[in-house]
Structures are given as structure tokens and as C-alpha cells.
């Protein structure tokens, strides 16, 4: 069973709103509504599938470890990677945070 923290519900809402309102440099909307819905649903589908995977990767970045012990990496495109950060016990996955590579600081590059 997969459970979503209150923070993840906020994260998903912010992801949706951010994608929907993302504009190009000339002020035009970057993504149409159907693309945003599909993008958001893809992230949600991955979250709901986490209890079915057999190998769970341990989180390693300090930015991730403050939210959970495990991370699922979803590479959406050449520039964007989403990190679904969670904890688990034998029967349940508790998703604690969703963030992307733009918000994750690698220990190699931090000061």
C-alpha cells in the first residue's frame, strides 16, 4: 500500500500549477493543459507503483535524507529528473517528498 504525506499532496499540487503556468521567454505558455495533466499523472502513477517494485534504492543526497531513507528516480527528459523520496516498512510505502534535480544539491557541488 502506498500512502502520501500532506507534504507530497502539496508537492503534487505545486508541480501541476508550476507546469501549467510555465512560460517561455517570450511569455507564451510552454505546455498545454493536456500535456500538464499527462505529466502530472505520470508522476502520480509512479508513486502508486512503488509498492510493487522489488528493489528500493537508498537515498544518498542530504537533501533527500532529511525526508526519507529511499528514493525513486524518474528521468522525465534529458534535463529533468524527479526524485520521489519515501520511507517503508514491510507492507507500506510512505511517500514523504517529491522534488526535482533543480532542487537537489549534490554533495560534490555543495560548499
Protein backbone atom coordinates (compact mmCIF):
# COMPACT_ATOMS: atom_id res chain seq x y z
CA UNK A 1 0.00 0.00 0.00
CA UNK A 2 1.24 3.50 -0.85
CA UNK A 3 0.43 6.46 1.36
CA UNK A 4 1.05 10.13 0.61
CA UNK A 5 2.13 12.63 3.24
CA UNK A 6 0.46 16.02 3.43
CA UNK A 7 3.70 17.49 2.03
CA UNK A 8 3.52 15.24 -1.04
CA UNK A 9 -0.04 16.32 -1.73
CA UNK A 10 1.22 19.91 -1.66
CA UNK A 11 4.20 18.95 -3.85
CA UNK A 12 1.92 17.35 -6.46
CA UNK A 13 -0.33 20.41 -6.49
CA UNK A 14 2.69 22.71 -6.87
CA UNK A 15 4.11 20.57 -9.67
CA UNK A 16 0.80 20.75 -11.53
CA UNK A 17 0.47 24.51 -11.04
CA UNK A 18 4.10 25.12 -11.95
CA UNK A 19 3.84 23.14 -15.18
CA UNK A 20 0.52 24.74 -16.08
CA UNK A 21 1.90 28.26 -15.60
CA UNK A 22 5.38 27.67 -17.05
CA UNK A 23 6.05 30.26 -19.74
CA UNK A 24 8.68 30.60 -22.42
CA UNK A 25 10.99 33.61 -22.54
CA UNK A 26 8.51 35.43 -24.80
CA UNK A 27 5.67 34.92 -22.31
CA UNK A 28 3.81 32.10 -24.05
CA UNK A 29 2.66 29.07 -22.09
CA UNK A 30 5.20 26.29 -22.51
CA UNK A 31 2.87 23.29 -22.04
CA UNK A 32 -0.76 22.82 -22.98
CA UNK A 33 -3.25 21.64 -20.36
CA UNK A 34 -3.44 18.04 -21.64
CA UNK A 35 0.36 17.73 -21.57
CA UNK A 36 0.43 19.04 -18.00
CA UNK A 37 -2.26 16.55 -16.95
CA UNK A 38 -0.36 13.67 -18.57
CA UNK A 39 2.95 14.77 -16.99
CA UNK A 40 1.34 15.04 -13.53
CA UNK A 41 -0.43 11.69 -13.91
CA UNK A 42 2.84 10.01 -14.93
CA UNK A 43 4.43 11.13 -11.65
CA UNK A 44 1.35 10.02 -9.70
CA UNK A 45 1.34 6.61 -11.44
CA UNK A 46 4.97 6.05 -10.49
CA UNK A 47 4.20 6.93 -6.88
CA UNK A 48 1.34 4.45 -6.76
CA UNK A 49 3.53 1.71 -8.25
CA UNK A 50 6.31 1.93 -5.64
CA UNK A 51 4.87 -0.85 -3.50
CA UNK A 52 5.22 -3.24 -6.44
CA UNK A 53 8.93 -2.76 -7.17
CA UNK A 54 11.35 -5.32 -5.76
CA UNK A 55 14.46 -3.17 -5.27
CA UNK A 56 14.40 0.07 -3.32
CA UNK A 57 17.32 2.47 -3.71
CA UNK A 58 18.64 4.05 -0.55
CA UNK A 59 18.68 7.84 -0.56
CA UNK A 60 22.17 9.34 -0.59
CA UNK A 61 21.83 13.11 -1.01
CA UNK A 62 21.48 15.10 2.23
CA UNK A 63 18.56 17.00 0.63
CA UNK A 64 16.73 13.68 0.26
CA UNK A 65 17.76 12.07 3.55
CA UNK A 66 16.03 14.81 5.52
CA UNK A 67 12.73 13.46 4.16
CA UNK A 68 13.22 9.70 3.81
CA UNK A 69 15.52 6.72 3.56
CA UNK A 70 14.66 5.66 0.00
CA UNK A 71 14.39 7.40 -3.35
CA UNK A 72 12.92 6.52 -6.71
CA UNK A 73 14.48 8.41 -9.61
CA UNK A 74 12.24 9.25 -12.56
CA UNK A 75 14.07 10.76 -15.52
CA UNK A 76 11.38 12.67 -17.39
CA UNK A 77 13.61 14.06 -20.13
CA UNK A 78 17.24 14.99 -20.82
CA UNK A 79 17.12 17.89 -18.35
CA UNK A 80 14.61 16.96 -15.67
CA UNK A 81 14.82 14.20 -13.08
CA UNK A 82 12.18 13.77 -10.38
CA UNK A 83 13.04 12.23 -7.03
CA UNK A 84 10.27 10.51 -5.09
CA UNK A 85 11.51 10.23 -1.53
CA UNK A 86 9.92 7.75 0.82
CA UNK A 87 10.13 5.50 3.85
CA UNK A 88 8.76 2.00 4.08
CA UNK A 89 8.00 -0.92 6.28
CA UNK A 90 7.13 -4.47 5.28
CA UNK A 91 3.69 -3.65 3.85
CA UNK A 92 3.61 0.09 3.24
CA UNK A 93 5.36 2.85 1.33
CA UNK A 94 5.12 6.30 2.88
CA UNK A 95 5.95 8.95 0.28
CA UNK A 96 7.33 11.98 2.08
CA UNK A 97 8.56 14.38 -0.63
CA UNK A 98 8.79 14.88 -4.39
CA UNK A 99 11.50 17.15 -5.74
CA UNK A 100 13.44 17.54 -8.95
CA UNK A 101 17.10 17.82 -9.83
CA UNK A 102 16.83 21.61 -9.83
CA UNK A 103 16.12 21.49 -6.08
CA UNK A 104 18.65 18.77 -5.19
CA UNK A 105 22.17 19.80 -4.27
CA UNK A 106 24.79 17.16 -4.97
CA UNK A 107 27.35 16.76 -2.16
CA UNK A 108 30.04 17.05 -4.85
CA UNK A 109 28.97 20.61 -5.65
CA UNK A 110 27.86 21.92 -2.29
CA UNK A 111 30.01 24.31 -0.28
